[in-house]
């Protein structure tokens, strides 16, 4: 609900230029895209780090001796 209110209150268009893309978007939409892109980057880096730690943990595991 709060995101919807934010979008409805921030409808003014802004000029946007990013990595060769240029255009006009509502401010709220531009911020929403930035938030989604940031979340995807954080999730990708976090997932890569978790996989890296799992590989290290498997390597350091010692076999159980009977």
PDB file of N, CA and C in Angstrom:
ATOM      1  N   UNK A   1       0.834  -1.191   0.000  1.00  0.00           N
ATOM      2  CA  UNK A   1       0.000   0.000   0.000  1.00  0.00           C
ATOM      3  C   UNK A   1       0.878   1.253   0.000  1.00  0.00           C
ATOM      4  N   UNK A   2       1.942   1.224   0.789  1.00  0.00           N
ATOM      5  CA  UNK A   2       2.806   2.415   0.871  1.00  0.00           C
ATOM      6  C   UNK A   2       3.515   2.666  -0.463  1.00  0.00           C
ATOM      7  N   UNK A   3       3.889   1.599  -1.158  1.00  0.00           N
ATOM      8  CA  UNK A   3       4.533   1.779  -2.464  1.00  0.00           C
ATOM      9  C   UNK A   3       3.550   2.390  -3.448  1.00  0.00           C
ATOM     10  N   UNK A   4       2.317   1.926  -3.422  1.00  0.00           N
ATOM     11  CA  UNK A   4       1.292   2.483  -4.299  1.00  0.00           C
ATOM     12  C   UNK A   4       1.074   3.967  -4.016  1.00  0.00           C
ATOM     13  N   UNK A   5       1.024   4.352  -2.754  1.00  0.00           N
ATOM     14  CA  UNK A   5       0.876   5.770  -2.387  1.00  0.00           C
ATOM     15  C   UNK A   5       2.071   6.569  -2.895  1.00  0.00           C
ATOM     16  N   UNK A   6       3.284   6.010  -2.716  1.00  0.00           N
ATOM     17  CA  UNK A   6       4.493   6.691  -3.184  1.00  0.00           C
ATOM     18  C   UNK A   6       4.444   6.914  -4.692  1.00  0.00           C
ATOM     19  N   UNK A   7       4.041   5.873  -5.432  1.00  0.00           N
ATOM     20  CA  UNK A   7       3.970   5.985  -6.888  1.00  0.00           C
ATOM     21  C   UNK A   7       2.941   7.032  -7.294  1.00  0.00           C
ATOM     22  N   UNK A   8       1.809   7.026  -6.650  1.00  0.00           N
ATOM     23  CA  UNK A   8       0.756   7.983  -6.997  1.00  0.00           C
ATOM     24  C   UNK A   8       1.155   9.427  -6.679  1.00  0.00           C
ATOM     25  N   UNK A   9       1.983   9.624  -5.668  1.00  0.00           N
ATOM     26  CA  UNK A   9       2.390  10.973  -5.287  1.00  0.00           C
ATOM     27  C   UNK A   9       3.607  11.477  -6.064  1.00  0.00           C
ATOM     28  N   UNK A  10       4.279  10.618  -6.808  1.00  0.00           N
ATOM     29  CA  UNK A  10       5.501  11.007  -7.520  1.00  0.00           C
ATOM     30  C   UNK A  10       5.368  10.711  -9.003  1.00  0.00           C
ATOM     31  N   UNK A  11       4.457  11.389  -9.647  1.00  0.00           N
ATOM     32  CA  UNK A  11       4.175  11.164 -11.061  1.00  0.00           C
ATOM     33  C   UNK A  11       4.937  12.099 -11.994  1.00  0.00           C
ATOM     34  N   UNK A  12       5.678  13.065 -11.466  1.00  0.00           N
ATOM     35  CA  UNK A  12       6.382  13.993 -12.345  1.00  0.00           C
ATOM     36  C   UNK A  12       7.457  13.255 -13.133  1.00  0.00           C
ATOM     37  N   UNK A  13       7.570  13.568 -14.414  1.00  0.00           N
ATOM     38  CA  UNK A  13       8.545  12.929 -15.284  1.00  0.00           C
ATOM     39  C   UNK A  13       9.931  13.509 -15.060  1.00  0.00           C
ATOM     40  N   UNK A  14      10.926  12.657 -15.191  1.00  0.00           N
ATOM     41  CA  UNK A  14      12.317  13.079 -15.091  1.00  0.00           C
ATOM     42  C   UNK A  14      13.060  12.560 -16.314  1.00  0.00           C
ATOM     43  N   UNK A  15      14.140  13.247 -16.687  1.00  0.00           N
ATOM     44  CA  UNK A  15      15.015  12.771 -17.756  1.00  0.00           C
ATOM     45  C   UNK A  15      15.973  11.765 -17.143  1.00  0.00           C
ATOM     46  N   UNK A  16      16.096  10.615 -17.779  1.00  0.00           N
ATOM     47  CA  UNK A  16      16.921   9.552 -17.254  1.00  0.00           C
ATOM     48  C   UNK A  16      17.949   9.148 -18.297  1.00  0.00           C
ATOM     49  N   UNK A  17      19.198   9.018 -17.872  1.00  0.00           N
ATOM     50  CA  UNK A  17      20.269   8.569 -18.749  1.00  0.00           C
ATOM     51  C   UNK A  17      21.111   7.581 -17.969  1.00  0.00           C
ATOM     52  N   UNK A  18      21.134   6.305 -18.440  1.00  0.00           N
ATOM     53  CA  UNK A  18      21.859   5.268 -17.722  1.00  0.00           C
ATOM     54  C   UNK A  18      22.343   4.215 -18.710  1.00  0.00           C
ATOM     55  N   UNK A  19      23.646   4.009 -18.770  1.00  0.00           N
ATOM     56  CA  UNK A  19      24.268   2.992 -19.627  1.00  0.00           C
ATOM     57  C   UNK A  19      23.754   3.041 -21.062  1.00  0.00           C
ATOM     58  N   UNK A  20      23.683   4.207 -21.614  1.00  0.00           N
ATOM     59  CA  UNK A  20      23.248   4.364 -22.992  1.00  0.00           C
ATOM     60  C   UNK A  20      21.751   4.503 -23.163  1.00  0.00           C
ATOM     61  N   UNK A  21      20.980   4.189 -22.150  1.00  0.00           N
ATOM     62  CA  UNK A  21      19.529   4.349 -22.214  1.00  0.00           C
ATOM     63  C   UNK A  21      19.180   5.775 -21.829  1.00  0.00           C
ATOM     64  N   UNK A  22      18.367   6.413 -22.648  1.00  0.00           N
ATOM     65  CA  UNK A  22      17.896   7.762 -22.340  1.00  0.00           C
ATOM     66  C   UNK A  22      16.396   7.800 -22.529  1.00  0.00           C
ATOM     67  N   UNK A  23      15.726   8.475 -21.633  1.00  0.00           N
ATOM     68  CA  UNK A  23      14.285   8.578 -21.756  1.00  0.00           C
ATOM     69  C   UNK A  23      13.688   9.399 -20.637  1.00  0.00           C
ATOM     70  N   UNK A  24      12.378   9.472 -20.665  1.00  0.00           N
ATOM     71  CA  UNK A  24      11.643  10.187 -19.627  1.00  0.00           C
ATOM     72  C   UNK A  24      10.728   9.181 -18.938  1.00  0.00           C
ATOM     73  N   UNK A  25      10.829   9.146 -17.629  1.00  0.00           N
ATOM     74  CA  UNK A  25      10.016   8.250 -16.823  1.00  0.00           C
ATOM     75  C   UNK A  25       9.475   9.010 -15.625  1.00  0.00           C
ATOM     76  N   UNK A  26       8.356   8.547 -15.073  1.00  0.00           N
ATOM     77  CA  UNK A  26       7.935   9.100 -13.788  1.00  0.00           C
ATOM     78  C   UNK A  26       8.994   8.781 -12.727  1.00  0.00           C
ATOM     79  N   UNK A  27       9.191   9.690 -11.799  1.00  0.00           N
ATOM     80  CA  UNK A  27      10.202   9.530 -10.756  1.00  0.00           C
ATOM     81  C   UNK A  27      10.017   8.216 -10.007  1.00  0.00           C
ATOM     82  N   UNK A  28       8.799   7.886  -9.640  1.00  0.00           N
ATOM     83  CA  UNK A  28       8.540   6.670  -8.868  1.00  0.00           C
ATOM     84  C   UNK A  28       8.930   5.424  -9.653  1.00  0.00           C
ATOM     85  N   UNK A  29       8.678   5.398 -10.939  1.00  0.00           N
ATOM     86  CA  UNK A  29       9.027   4.240 -11.764  1.00  0.00           C
ATOM     87  C   UNK A  29      10.545   4.102 -11.856  1.00  0.00           C
ATOM     88  N   UNK A  30      11.239   5.214 -12.024  1.00  0.00           N
ATOM     89  CA  UNK A  30      12.707   5.172 -12.085  1.00  0.00           C
ATOM     90  C   UNK A  30      13.284   4.645 -10.769  1.00  0.00           C
ATOM     91  N   UNK A  31      12.751   5.100  -9.641  1.00  0.00           N
ATOM     92  CA  UNK A  31      13.227   4.618  -8.346  1.00  0.00           C
ATOM     93  C   UNK A  31      12.874   3.155  -8.133  1.00  0.00           C
ATOM     94  N   UNK A  32      11.713   2.733  -8.612  1.00  0.00           N
ATOM     95  CA  UNK A  32      11.323   1.336  -8.495  1.00  0.00           C
ATOM     96  C   UNK A  32      12.268   0.443  -9.302  1.00  0.00           C
ATOM     97  N   UNK A  33      12.614   0.853 -10.525  1.00  0.00           N
ATOM     98  CA  UNK A  33      13.577   0.104 -11.330  1.00  0.00           C
ATOM     99  C   UNK A  33      14.925   0.032 -10.629  1.00  0.00           C
ATOM    100  N   UNK A  34      15.369   1.132 -10.051  1.00  0.00           N
ATOM    101  CA  UNK A  34      16.649   1.159  -9.344  1.00  0.00           C
ATOM    102  C   UNK A  34      16.619   0.212  -8.147  1.00  0.00           C
ATOM    103  N   UNK A  35      15.502   0.189  -7.423  1.00  0.00           N
ATOM    104  CA  UNK A  35      15.369  -0.687  -6.268  1.00  0.00           C
ATOM    105  C   UNK A  35      15.406  -2.159  -6.694  1.00  0.00           C
ATOM    106  N   UNK A  36      14.700  -2.495  -7.768  1.00  0.00           N
ATOM    107  CA  UNK A  36      14.679  -3.877  -8.251  1.00  0.00           C
ATOM    108  C   UNK A  36      16.067  -4.302  -8.727  1.00  0.00           C
ATOM    109  N   UNK A  37      16.729  -3.440  -9.478  1.00  0.00           N
ATOM    110  CA  UNK A  37      18.076  -3.749  -9.954  1.00  0.00           C
ATOM    111  C   UNK A  37      19.035  -3.941  -8.783  1.00  0.00           C
ATOM    112  N   UNK A  38      18.950  -3.082  -7.789  1.00  0.00           N
ATOM    113  CA  UNK A  38      19.800  -3.216  -6.602  1.00  0.00           C
ATOM    114  C   UNK A  38      19.540  -4.512  -5.862  1.00  0.00           C
ATOM    115  N   UNK A  39      18.267  -4.885  -5.723  1.00  0.00           N
ATOM    116  CA  UNK A  39      17.921  -6.131  -5.037  1.00  0.00           C
ATOM    117  C   UNK A  39      18.452  -7.338  -5.805  1.00  0.00           C
ATOM    118  N   UNK A  40      18.369  -7.309  -7.125  1.00  0.00           N
ATOM    119  CA  UNK A  40      18.882  -8.412  -7.928  1.00  0.00           C
ATOM    120  C   UNK A  40      20.402  -8.552  -7.795  1.00  0.00           C
ATOM    121  N   UNK A  41      21.092  -7.430  -7.776  1.00  0.00           N
ATOM    122  CA  UNK A  41      22.551  -7.457  -7.624  1.00  0.00           C
ATOM    123  C   UNK A  41      22.933  -8.015  -6.261  1.00  0.00           C
ATOM    124  N   UNK A  42      22.264  -7.554  -5.210  1.00  0.00           N
ATOM    125  CA  UNK A  42      22.556  -8.035  -3.862  1.00  0.00           C
ATOM    126  C   UNK A  42      22.262  -9.536  -3.753  1.00  0.00           C
ATOM    127  N   UNK A  43      21.142  -9.985  -4.327  1.00  0.00           N
ATOM    128  CA  UNK A  43      20.792 -11.403  -4.277  1.00  0.00           C
ATOM    129  C   UNK A  43      21.819 -12.249  -5.029  1.00  0.00           C
ATOM    130  N   UNK A  44      22.263 -11.773  -6.182  1.00  0.00           N
ATOM    131  CA  UNK A  44      23.253 -12.516  -6.966  1.00  0.00           C
ATOM    132  C   UNK A  44      24.581 -12.609  -6.218  1.00  0.00           C
ATOM    133  N   UNK A  45      25.043 -11.501  -5.667  1.00  0.00           N
ATOM    134  CA  UNK A  45      26.313 -11.518  -4.930  1.00  0.00           C
ATOM    135  C   UNK A  45      26.200 -12.344  -3.655  1.00  0.00           C
ATOM    136  N   UNK A  46      25.087 -12.232  -2.960  1.00  0.00           N
ATOM    137  CA  UNK A  46      24.876 -13.023  -1.750  1.00  0.00           C
ATOM    138  C   UNK A  46      24.824 -14.510  -2.054  1.00  0.00           C
ATOM    139  N   UNK A  47      24.129 -14.878  -3.124  1.00  0.00           N
ATOM    140  CA  UNK A  47      24.060 -16.279  -3.520  1.00  0.00           C
ATOM    141  C   UNK A  47      25.415 -16.827  -3.900  1.00  0.00           C
ATOM    142  N   UNK A  48      26.208 -16.041  -4.611  1.00  0.00           N
ATOM    143  CA  UNK A  48      27.556 -16.465  -4.991  1.00  0.00           C
ATOM    144  C   UNK A  48      28.423 -16.671  -3.750  1.00  0.00           C
ATOM    145  N   UNK A  49      28.295 -15.794  -2.774  1.00  0.00           N
ATOM    146  CA  UNK A  49      29.085 -15.918  -1.536  1.00  0.00           C
ATOM    147  C   UNK A  49      28.665 -17.162  -0.752  1.00  0.00           C
ATOM    148  N   UNK A  50      27.375 -17.445  -0.686  1.00  0.00           N
ATOM    149  CA  UNK A  50      26.899 -18.640   0.016  1.00  0.00           C
ATOM    150  C   UNK A  50      27.445 -19.894  -0.650  1.00  0.00           C
ATOM    151  N   UNK A  51      27.398 -19.937  -1.983  1.00  0.00           N
ATOM    152  CA  UNK A  51      27.956 -21.089  -2.693  1.00  0.00           C
ATOM    153  C   UNK A  51      29.450 -21.234  -2.430  1.00  0.00           C
ATOM    154  N   UNK A  52      30.153 -20.116  -2.400  1.00  0.00           N
ATOM    155  CA  UNK A  52      31.585 -20.138  -2.131  1.00  0.00           C
ATOM    156  C   UNK A  52      31.857 -20.697  -0.733  1.00  0.00           C
ATOM    157  N   UNK A  53      31.098 -20.279   0.250  1.00  0.00           N
ATOM    158  CA  UNK A  53      31.285 -20.762   1.619  1.00  0.00           C
ATOM    159  C   UNK A  53      30.936 -22.247   1.736  1.00  0.00           C
ATOM    160  N   UNK A  54      29.933 -22.710   1.005  1.00  0.00           N
ATOM    161  CA  UNK A  54      29.581 -24.130   1.025  1.00  0.00           C
ATOM    162  C   UNK A  54      30.711 -24.983   0.448  1.00  0.00           C
ATOM    163  N   UNK A  55      31.328 -24.513  -0.626  1.00  0.00           N
ATOM    164  CA  UNK A  55      32.445 -25.254  -1.226  1.00  0.00           C
ATOM    165  C   UNK A  55      33.596 -25.339  -0.237  1.00  0.00           C
ATOM    166  N   UNK A  56      33.911 -24.245   0.429  1.00  0.00           N
ATOM    167  CA  UNK A  56      34.992 -24.245   1.419  1.00  0.00           C
ATOM    168  C   UNK A  56      34.652 -25.174   2.574  1.00  0.00           C
ATOM    169  N   UNK A  57      33.414 -25.159   3.029  1.00  0.00           N
ATOM    170  CA  UNK A  57      33.007 -26.018   4.139  1.00  0.00           C
ATOM    171  C   UNK A  57      33.104 -27.486   3.752  1.00  0.00           C
ATOM    172  N   UNK A  58      32.730 -27.840   2.536  1.00  0.00           N
ATOM    173  CA  UNK A  58      32.836 -29.237   2.083  1.00  0.00           C
ATOM    174  C   UNK A  58      34.291 -29.671   2.005  1.00  0.00           C
ATOM    175  N   UNK A  59      35.150 -28.781   1.544  1.00  0.00           N
ATOM    176  CA  UNK A  59      36.577 -29.094   1.435  1.00  0.00           C
ATOM    177  C   UNK A  59      37.207 -29.321   2.801  1.00  0.00           C
ATOM    178  N   UNK A  60      36.751 -28.575   3.792  1.00  0.00           N
ATOM    179  CA  UNK A  60      37.344 -28.646   5.126  1.00  0.00           C
ATOM    180  C   UNK A  60      36.748 -29.750   5.975  1.00  0.00           C
ATOM    181  N   UNK A  61      35.679 -30.389   5.515  1.00  0.00           N
ATOM    182  CA  UNK A  61      35.077 -31.490   6.263  1.00  0.00           C
ATOM    183  C   UNK A  61      36.011 -32.681   6.290  1.00  0.00           C
ATOM    184  N   UNK A  62      36.165 -33.242   7.448  1.00  0.00           N
ATOM    185  CA  UNK A  62      37.007 -34.425   7.560  1.00  0.00           C
ATOM    186  C   UNK A  62      36.125 -35.665   7.614  1.00  0.00           C
ATOM    187  N   UNK A  63      36.564 -36.737   6.995  1.00  0.00           N
ATOM    188  CA  UNK A  63      35.757 -37.968   7.016  1.00  0.00           C
ATOM    189  C   UNK A  63      35.669 -38.510   8.447  1.00  0.00           C
ATOM    190  N   UNK A  64      34.548 -39.117   8.749  1.00  0.00           N
ATOM    191  CA  UNK A  64      34.332 -39.701  10.074  1.00  0.00           C
ATOM    192  C   UNK A  64      35.062 -41.035  10.126  1.00  0.00           C
ATOM    193  N   UNK A  65      35.893 -41.175  11.149  1.00  0.00           N
ATOM    194  CA  UNK A  65      36.657 -42.416  11.314  1.00  0.00           C
ATOM    195  C   UNK A  65      35.924 -43.311  12.295  1.00  0.00           C
ATOM    196  N   UNK A  66      35.871 -44.599  11.983  1.00  0.00           N
ATOM    197  CA  UNK A  66      35.191 -45.563  12.855  1.00  0.00           C
ATOM    198  C   UNK A  66      36.176 -46.250  13.744  1.00  0.00           C
TER     199      UNK A  66
END
